[in-house]
Amino acid sequence: MSSHADPDLTRLRIIFVAQRDAHGWTYEELAERSGVSRQTLLNISSGKYNGDLKTWMKLARAFNTSLDELLAPVWE
């Protein structure tokens, strides 16, 4: 039986902050581009909320990357 490490969901906040910074977008700009509410973005940024699959799919599209590529660091 093979064992797989569990994802480190604490990295979601780090991934989000790094991507937003890399694109130079304000929360308002990212909300507009992604269709995710500004409050949800703030909650992800602060670690209060990890987001759901739909949220991360919208963010991946806004950041012009695949969901797999965007979330890969949670498995490292």
PDB file of N, CA and C in Angstrom:
ATOM      1  N   MET A   1       0.846  -1.190   0.000  1.00  0.00           N
ATOM      2  CA  MET A   1       0.000   0.000   0.000  1.00  0.00           C
ATOM      3  C   MET A   1       0.885   1.245   0.000  1.00  0.00           C
ATOM      4  N   SER A   2       0.709   2.091  -0.966  1.00  0.00           N
ATOM      5  CA  SER A   2       1.530   3.305  -1.021  1.00  0.00           C
ATOM      6  C   SER A   2       0.900   4.392  -0.158  1.00  0.00           C
ATOM      7  N   SER A   3       1.747   5.207   0.416  1.00  0.00           N
ATOM      8  CA  SER A   3       1.225   6.312   1.227  1.00  0.00           C
ATOM      9  C   SER A   3       1.569   7.625   0.546  1.00  0.00           C
ATOM     10  N   HIS A   4       0.623   8.515   0.566  1.00  0.00           N
ATOM     11  CA  HIS A   4       0.815   9.836  -0.030  1.00  0.00           C
ATOM     12  C   HIS A   4       0.709  10.861   1.074  1.00  0.00           C
ATOM     13  N   ALA A   5       1.577  11.840   1.009  1.00  0.00           N
ATOM     14  CA  ALA A   5       1.520  12.913   1.996  1.00  0.00           C
ATOM     15  C   ALA A   5       0.233  13.708   1.811  1.00  0.00           C
ATOM     16  N   ASP A   6      -0.296  14.174   2.905  1.00  0.00           N
ATOM     17  CA  ASP A   6      -1.470  15.035   2.831  1.00  0.00           C
ATOM     18  C   ASP A   6      -1.055  16.411   2.332  1.00  0.00           C
ATOM     19  N   PRO A   7      -1.948  17.097   1.640  1.00  0.00           N
ATOM     20  CA  PRO A   7      -1.611  18.448   1.176  1.00  0.00           C
ATOM     21  C   PRO A   7      -1.454  19.392   2.358  1.00  0.00           C
ATOM     22  N   ASP A   8      -0.527  20.324   2.242  1.00  0.00           N
ATOM     23  CA  ASP A   8      -0.312  21.339   3.274  1.00  0.00           C
ATOM     24  C   ASP A   8      -1.145  22.556   2.903  1.00  0.00           C
ATOM     25  N   LEU A   9      -2.369  22.591   3.413  1.00  0.00           N
ATOM     26  CA  LEU A   9      -3.302  23.652   3.036  1.00  0.00           C
ATOM     27  C   LEU A   9      -2.895  25.018   3.573  1.00  0.00           C
ATOM     28  N   THR A  10      -1.962  25.051   4.520  1.00  0.00           N
ATOM     29  CA  THR A  10      -1.480  26.353   4.995  1.00  0.00           C
ATOM     30  C   THR A  10      -0.739  27.082   3.876  1.00  0.00           C
ATOM     31  N   ARG A  11      -0.307  26.351   2.867  1.00  0.00           N
ATOM     32  CA  ARG A  11       0.408  26.974   1.738  1.00  0.00           C
ATOM     33  C   ARG A  11      -0.525  27.708   0.784  1.00  0.00           C
ATOM     34  N   LEU A  12      -1.822  27.465   0.889  1.00  0.00           N
ATOM     35  CA  LEU A  12      -2.754  28.138  -0.020  1.00  0.00           C
ATOM     36  C   LEU A  12      -2.644  29.650   0.106  1.00  0.00           C
ATOM     37  N   ARG A  13      -2.544  30.145   1.325  1.00  0.00           N
ATOM     38  CA  ARG A  13      -2.402  31.583   1.553  1.00  0.00           C
ATOM     39  C   ARG A  13      -1.130  32.100   0.881  1.00  0.00           C
ATOM     40  N   ILE A  14      -0.049  31.363   1.023  1.00  0.00           N
ATOM     41  CA  ILE A  14       1.242  31.760   0.454  1.00  0.00           C
ATOM     42  C   ILE A  14       1.165  31.785  -1.076  1.00  0.00           C
ATOM     43  N   ILE A  15       0.540  30.759  -1.659  1.00  0.00           N
ATOM     44  CA  ILE A  15       0.357  30.693  -3.116  1.00  0.00           C
ATOM     45  C   ILE A  15      -0.440  31.899  -3.593  1.00  0.00           C
ATOM     46  N   PHE A  16      -1.524  32.182  -2.895  1.00  0.00           N
ATOM     47  CA  PHE A  16      -2.395  33.296  -3.284  1.00  0.00           C
ATOM     48  C   PHE A  16      -1.648  34.627  -3.241  1.00  0.00           C
ATOM     49  N   VAL A  17      -0.983  34.887  -2.136  1.00  0.00           N
ATOM     50  CA  VAL A  17      -0.264  36.160  -1.964  1.00  0.00           C
ATOM     51  C   VAL A  17       0.826  36.303  -3.029  1.00  0.00           C
ATOM     52  N   ALA A  18       1.565  35.225  -3.291  1.00  0.00           N
ATOM     53  CA  ALA A  18       2.644  35.270  -4.287  1.00  0.00           C
ATOM     54  C   ALA A  18       2.090  35.560  -5.682  1.00  0.00           C
ATOM     55  N   GLN A  19       0.990  34.931  -6.031  1.00  0.00           N
ATOM     56  CA  GLN A  19       0.405  35.141  -7.364  1.00  0.00           C
ATOM     57  C   GLN A  19      -0.139  36.559  -7.511  1.00  0.00           C
ATOM     58  N   ARG A  20      -0.820  37.032  -6.490  1.00  0.00           N
ATOM     59  CA  ARG A  20      -1.381  38.389  -6.572  1.00  0.00           C
ATOM     60  C   ARG A  20      -0.257  39.413  -6.683  1.00  0.00           C
ATOM     61  N   ASP A  21       0.801  39.223  -5.879  1.00  0.00           N
ATOM     62  CA  ASP A  21       1.954  40.125  -5.940  1.00  0.00           C
ATOM     63  C   ASP A  21       2.636  40.063  -7.310  1.00  0.00           C
ATOM     64  N   ALA A  22       2.799  38.852  -7.845  1.00  0.00           N
ATOM     65  CA  ALA A  22       3.467  38.677  -9.138  1.00  0.00           C
ATOM     66  C   ALA A  22       2.718  39.407 -10.253  1.00  0.00           C
ATOM     67  N   HIS A  23       1.409  39.451 -10.147  1.00  0.00           N
ATOM     68  CA  HIS A  23       0.605  40.127 -11.166  1.00  0.00           C
ATOM     69  C   HIS A  23       0.422  41.614 -10.857  1.00  0.00           C
ATOM     70  N   GLY A  24       0.740  42.015  -9.639  1.00  0.00           N
ATOM     71  CA  GLY A  24       0.644  43.428  -9.276  1.00  0.00           C
ATOM     72  C   GLY A  24      -0.776  43.937  -9.181  1.00  0.00           C
ATOM     73  N   TRP A  25      -1.715  43.051  -8.883  1.00  0.00           N
ATOM     74  CA  TRP A  25      -3.119  43.435  -8.837  1.00  0.00           C
ATOM     75  C   TRP A  25      -3.576  43.763  -7.426  1.00  0.00           C
ATOM     76  N   THR A  26      -4.437  44.752  -7.327  1.00  0.00           N
ATOM     77  CA  THR A  26      -5.107  45.036  -6.059  1.00  0.00           C
ATOM     78  C   THR A  26      -6.183  43.964  -5.853  1.00  0.00           C
ATOM     79  N   TYR A  27      -6.734  43.921  -4.653  1.00  0.00           N
ATOM     80  CA  TYR A  27      -7.833  42.986  -4.400  1.00  0.00           C
ATOM     81  C   TYR A  27      -9.021  43.297  -5.308  1.00  0.00           C
ATOM     82  N   GLU A  28      -9.259  44.581  -5.546  1.00  0.00           N
ATOM     83  CA  GLU A  28     -10.360  44.982  -6.409  1.00  0.00           C
ATOM     84  C   GLU A  28     -10.146  44.493  -7.838  1.00  0.00           C
ATOM     85  N   GLU A  29      -8.914  44.655  -8.343  1.00  0.00           N
ATOM     86  CA  GLU A  29      -8.605  44.206  -9.701  1.00  0.00           C
ATOM     87  C   GLU A  29      -8.752  42.691  -9.826  1.00  0.00           C
ATOM     88  N   LEU A  30      -8.250  41.964  -8.842  1.00  0.00           N
ATOM     89  CA  LEU A  30      -8.340  40.513  -8.890  1.00  0.00           C
ATOM     90  C   LEU A  30      -9.797  40.055  -8.771  1.00  0.00           C
ATOM     91  N   ALA A  31     -10.573  40.730  -7.947  1.00  0.00           N
ATOM     92  CA  ALA A  31     -11.996  40.397  -7.824  1.00  0.00           C
ATOM     93  C   ALA A  31     -12.694  40.560  -9.175  1.00  0.00           C
ATOM     94  N   GLU A  32     -12.382  41.653  -9.863  1.00  0.00           N
ATOM     95  CA  GLU A  32     -12.964  41.900 -11.183  1.00  0.00           C
ATOM     96  C   GLU A  32     -12.550  40.848 -12.199  1.00  0.00           C
ATOM     97  N   ARG A  33     -11.278  40.516 -12.202  1.00  0.00           N
ATOM     98  CA  ARG A  33     -10.738  39.575 -13.190  1.00  0.00           C
ATOM     99  C   ARG A  33     -11.182  38.137 -12.937  1.00  0.00           C
ATOM    100  N   SER A  34     -11.380  37.793 -11.653  1.00  0.00           N
ATOM    101  CA  SER A  34     -11.668  36.398 -11.300  1.00  0.00           C
ATOM    102  C   SER A  34     -13.143  36.109 -11.050  1.00  0.00           C
ATOM    103  N   GLY A  35     -13.903  37.135 -10.683  1.00  0.00           N
ATOM    104  CA  GLY A  35     -15.285  36.892 -10.303  1.00  0.00           C
ATOM    105  C   GLY A  35     -15.428  36.391  -8.880  1.00  0.00           C
ATOM    106  N   VAL A  36     -14.344  36.462  -8.114  1.00  0.00           N
ATOM    107  CA  VAL A  36     -14.349  36.072  -6.701  1.00  0.00           C
ATOM    108  C   VAL A  36     -14.475  37.356  -5.889  1.00  0.00           C
ATOM    109  N   SER A  37     -15.315  37.350  -4.876  1.00  0.00           N
ATOM    110  CA  SER A  37     -15.542  38.578  -4.119  1.00  0.00           C
ATOM    111  C   SER A  37     -14.275  39.063  -3.413  1.00  0.00           C
ATOM    112  N   ARG A  38     -14.181  40.361  -3.264  1.00  0.00           N
ATOM    113  CA  ARG A  38     -13.042  40.975  -2.583  1.00  0.00           C
ATOM    114  C   ARG A  38     -12.909  40.420  -1.175  1.00  0.00           C
ATOM    115  N   GLN A  39     -14.031  40.239  -0.472  1.00  0.00           N
ATOM    116  CA  GLN A  39     -13.984  39.720   0.896  1.00  0.00           C
ATOM    117  C   GLN A  39     -13.417  38.299   0.934  1.00  0.00           C
ATOM    118  N   THR A  40     -13.802  37.465  -0.014  1.00  0.00           N
ATOM    119  CA  THR A  40     -13.251  36.111  -0.087  1.00  0.00           C
ATOM    120  C   THR A  40     -11.752  36.163  -0.328  1.00  0.00           C
ATOM    121  N   LEU A  41     -11.325  37.050  -1.220  1.00  0.00           N
ATOM    122  CA  LEU A  41      -9.888  37.197  -1.497  1.00  0.00           C
ATOM    123  C   LEU A  41      -9.134  37.635  -0.247  1.00  0.00           C
ATOM    124  N   LEU A  42      -9.704  38.568   0.491  1.00  0.00           N
ATOM    125  CA  LEU A  42      -9.072  39.021   1.737  1.00  0.00           C
ATOM    126  C   LEU A  42      -8.993  37.881   2.748  1.00  0.00           C
ATOM    127  N   ASN A  43     -10.037  37.076   2.821  1.00  0.00           N
ATOM    128  CA  ASN A  43     -10.045  35.951   3.760  1.00  0.00           C
ATOM    129  C   ASN A  43      -9.018  34.882   3.393  1.00  0.00           C
ATOM    130  N   ILE A  44      -8.832  34.633   2.100  1.00  0.00           N
ATOM    131  CA  ILE A  44      -7.793  33.696   1.666  1.00  0.00           C
ATOM    132  C   ILE A  44      -6.419  34.264   1.996  1.00  0.00           C
ATOM    133  N   SER A  45      -6.239  35.544   1.706  1.00  0.00           N
ATOM    134  CA  SER A  45      -4.958  36.208   1.942  1.00  0.00           C
ATOM    135  C   SER A  45      -4.545  36.167   3.415  1.00  0.00           C
ATOM    136  N   SER A  46      -5.522  36.273   4.306  1.00  0.00           N
ATOM    137  CA  SER A  46      -5.218  36.294   5.741  1.00  0.00           C
ATOM    138  C   SER A  46      -5.202  34.900   6.352  1.00  0.00           C
ATOM    139  N   GLY A  47      -5.573  33.885   5.567  1.00  0.00           N
ATOM    140  CA  GLY A  47      -5.589  32.524   6.083  1.00  0.00           C
ATOM    141  C   GLY A  47      -6.863  32.154   6.834  1.00  0.00           C
ATOM    142  N   LYS A  48      -7.853  33.037   6.807  1.00  0.00           N
ATOM    143  CA  LYS A  48      -9.126  32.750   7.491  1.00  0.00           C
ATOM    144  C   LYS A  48      -9.963  31.741   6.716  1.00  0.00           C
ATOM    145  N   TYR A  49      -9.706  31.629   5.417  1.00  0.00           N
ATOM    146  CA  TYR A  49     -10.492  30.765   4.536  1.00  0.00           C
ATOM    147  C   TYR A  49      -9.560  30.182   3.492  1.00  0.00           C
ATOM    148  N   ASN A  50      -9.679  28.870   3.250  1.00  0.00           N
ATOM    149  CA  ASN A  50      -8.838  28.233   2.237  1.00  0.00           C
ATOM    150  C   ASN A  50      -9.405  28.324   0.841  1.00  0.00           C
ATOM    151  N   GLY A  51     -10.679  28.656   0.728  1.00  0.00           N
ATOM    152  CA  GLY A  51     -11.303  28.676  -0.583  1.00  0.00           C
ATOM    153  C   GLY A  51     -11.810  27.292  -0.952  1.00  0.00           C
ATOM    154  N   ASP A  52     -12.713  27.242  -1.904  1.00  0.00           N
ATOM    155  CA  ASP A  52     -13.222  25.964  -2.384  1.00  0.00           C
ATOM    156  C   ASP A  52     -12.727  25.743  -3.816  1.00  0.00           C
ATOM    157  N   LEU A  53     -13.090  24.611  -4.369  1.00  0.00           N
ATOM    158  CA  LEU A  53     -12.609  24.261  -5.708  1.00  0.00           C
ATOM    159  C   LEU A  53     -13.008  25.308  -6.741  1.00  0.00           C
ATOM    160  N   LYS A  54     -14.248  25.762  -6.695  1.00  0.00           N
ATOM    161  CA  LYS A  54     -14.726  26.754  -7.667  1.00  0.00           C
ATOM    162  C   LYS A  54     -13.905  28.045  -7.563  1.00  0.00           C
ATOM    163  N   THR A  55     -13.614  28.478  -6.346  1.00  0.00           N
ATOM    164  CA  THR A  55     -12.817  29.688  -6.129  1.00  0.00           C
ATOM    165  C   THR A  55     -11.432  29.540  -6.747  1.00  0.00           C
ATOM    166  N   TRP A  56     -10.766  28.401  -6.487  1.00  0.00           N
ATOM    167  CA  TRP A  56      -9.408  28.201  -6.996  1.00  0.00           C
ATOM    168  C   TRP A  56      -9.395  28.017  -8.514  1.00  0.00           C
ATOM    169  N   MET A  57     -10.475  27.465  -9.081  1.00  0.00           N
ATOM    170  CA  MET A  57     -10.556  27.365 -10.538  1.00  0.00           C
ATOM    171  C   MET A  57     -10.651  28.762 -11.156  1.00  0.00           C
ATOM    172  N   LYS A  58     -11.445  29.630 -10.549  1.00  0.00           N
ATOM    173  CA  LYS A  58     -11.567  31.008 -11.039  1.00  0.00           C
ATOM    174  C   LYS A  58     -10.239  31.749 -10.897  1.00  0.00           C
ATOM    175  N   LEU A  59      -9.542  31.528  -9.783  1.00  0.00           N
ATOM    176  CA  LEU A  59      -8.252  32.190  -9.576  1.00  0.00           C
ATOM    177  C   LEU A  59      -7.220  31.691 -10.585  1.00  0.00           C
ATOM    178  N   ALA A  60      -7.200  30.390 -10.832  1.00  0.00           N
ATOM    179  CA  ALA A  60      -6.250  29.841 -11.810  1.00  0.00           C
ATOM    180  C   ALA A  60      -6.481  30.481 -13.179  1.00  0.00           C
ATOM    181  N   ARG A  61      -7.743  30.627 -13.567  1.00  0.00           N
ATOM    182  CA  ARG A  61      -8.062  31.248 -14.858  1.00  0.00           C
ATOM    183  C   ARG A  61      -7.583  32.700 -14.873  1.00  0.00           C
ATOM    184  N   ALA A  62      -7.836  33.426 -13.787  1.00  0.00           N
ATOM    185  CA  ALA A  62      -7.419  34.832 -13.715  1.00  0.00           C
ATOM    186  C   ALA A  62      -5.896  34.956 -13.780  1.00  0.00           C
ATOM    187  N   PHE A  63      -5.196  34.033 -13.123  1.00  0.00           N
ATOM    188  CA  PHE A  63      -3.729  34.063 -13.097  1.00  0.00           C
ATOM    189  C   PHE A  63      -3.128  33.430 -14.356  1.00  0.00           C
ATOM    190  N   ASN A  64      -3.994  32.969 -15.273  1.00  0.00           N
ATOM    191  CA  ASN A  64      -3.562  32.372 -16.535  1.00  0.00           C
ATOM    192  C   ASN A  64      -2.639  31.164 -16.324  1.00  0.00           C
ATOM    193  N   THR A  65      -3.081  30.273 -15.460  1.00  0.00           N
ATOM    194  CA  THR A  65      -2.329  29.054 -15.183  1.00  0.00           C
ATOM    195  C   THR A  65      -3.315  27.915 -14.972  1.00  0.00           C
ATOM    196  N   SER A  66      -2.806  26.698 -14.968  1.00  0.00           N
ATOM    197  CA  SER A  66      -3.690  25.559 -14.707  1.00  0.00           C
ATOM    198  C   SER A  66      -3.886  25.414 -13.196  1.00  0.00           C
ATOM    199  N   LEU A  67      -4.975  24.798 -12.833  1.00  0.00           N
ATOM    200  CA  LEU A  67      -5.243  24.540 -11.420  1.00  0.00           C
ATOM    201  C   LEU A  67      -4.137  23.673 -10.828  1.00  0.00           C
ATOM    202  N   ASP A  68      -3.699  22.650 -11.573  1.00  0.00           N
ATOM    203  CA  ASP A  68      -2.618  21.773 -11.104  1.00  0.00           C
ATOM    204  C   ASP A  68      -1.350  22.559 -10.812  1.00  0.00           C
ATOM    205  N   GLU A  69      -0.985  23.419 -11.739  1.00  0.00           N
ATOM    206  CA  GLU A  69       0.244  24.206 -11.570  1.00  0.00           C
ATOM    207  C   GLU A  69       0.121  25.177 -10.408  1.00  0.00           C
ATOM    208  N   LEU A  70      -1.024  25.827 -10.300  1.00  0.00           N
ATOM    209  CA  LEU A  70      -1.251  26.795  -9.244  1.00  0.00           C
ATOM    210  C   LEU A  70      -1.154  26.161  -7.859  1.00  0.00           C
ATOM    211  N   LEU A  71      -1.743  24.970  -7.711  1.00  0.00           N
ATOM    212  CA  LEU A  71      -1.837  24.351  -6.392  1.00  0.00           C
ATOM    213  C   LEU A  71      -0.740  23.329  -6.100  1.00  0.00           C
ATOM    214  N   ALA A  72       0.164  23.110  -7.045  1.00  0.00           N
ATOM    215  CA  ALA A  72       1.242  22.128  -6.854  1.00  0.00           C
ATOM    216  C   ALA A  72       2.008  22.300  -5.536  1.00  0.00           C
ATOM    217  N   PRO A  73       2.298  23.535  -5.091  1.00  0.00           N
ATOM    218  CA  PRO A  73       3.080  23.685  -3.858  1.00  0.00           C
ATOM    219  C   PRO A  73       2.436  23.097  -2.588  1.00  0.00           C
ATOM    220  N   VAL A  74       1.135  22.855  -2.590  1.00  0.00           N
ATOM    221  CA  VAL A  74       0.543  22.266  -1.380  1.00  0.00           C
ATOM    222  C   VAL A  74       0.976  20.810  -1.201  1.00  0.00           C
ATOM    223  N   TRP A  75       1.504  20.193  -2.250  1.00  0.00           N
ATOM    224  CA  TRP A  75       1.928  18.801  -2.188  1.00  0.00           C
ATOM    225  C   TRP A  75       3.420  18.659  -1.942  1.00  0.00           C
ATOM    226  N   GLU A  76       4.145  19.761  -1.883  1.00  0.00           N
ATOM    227  CA  GLU A  76       5.602  19.686  -1.717  1.00  0.00           C
ATOM    228  C   GLU A  76       5.984  19.468  -0.267  1.00  0.00           C
TER     229      GLU A  76
END
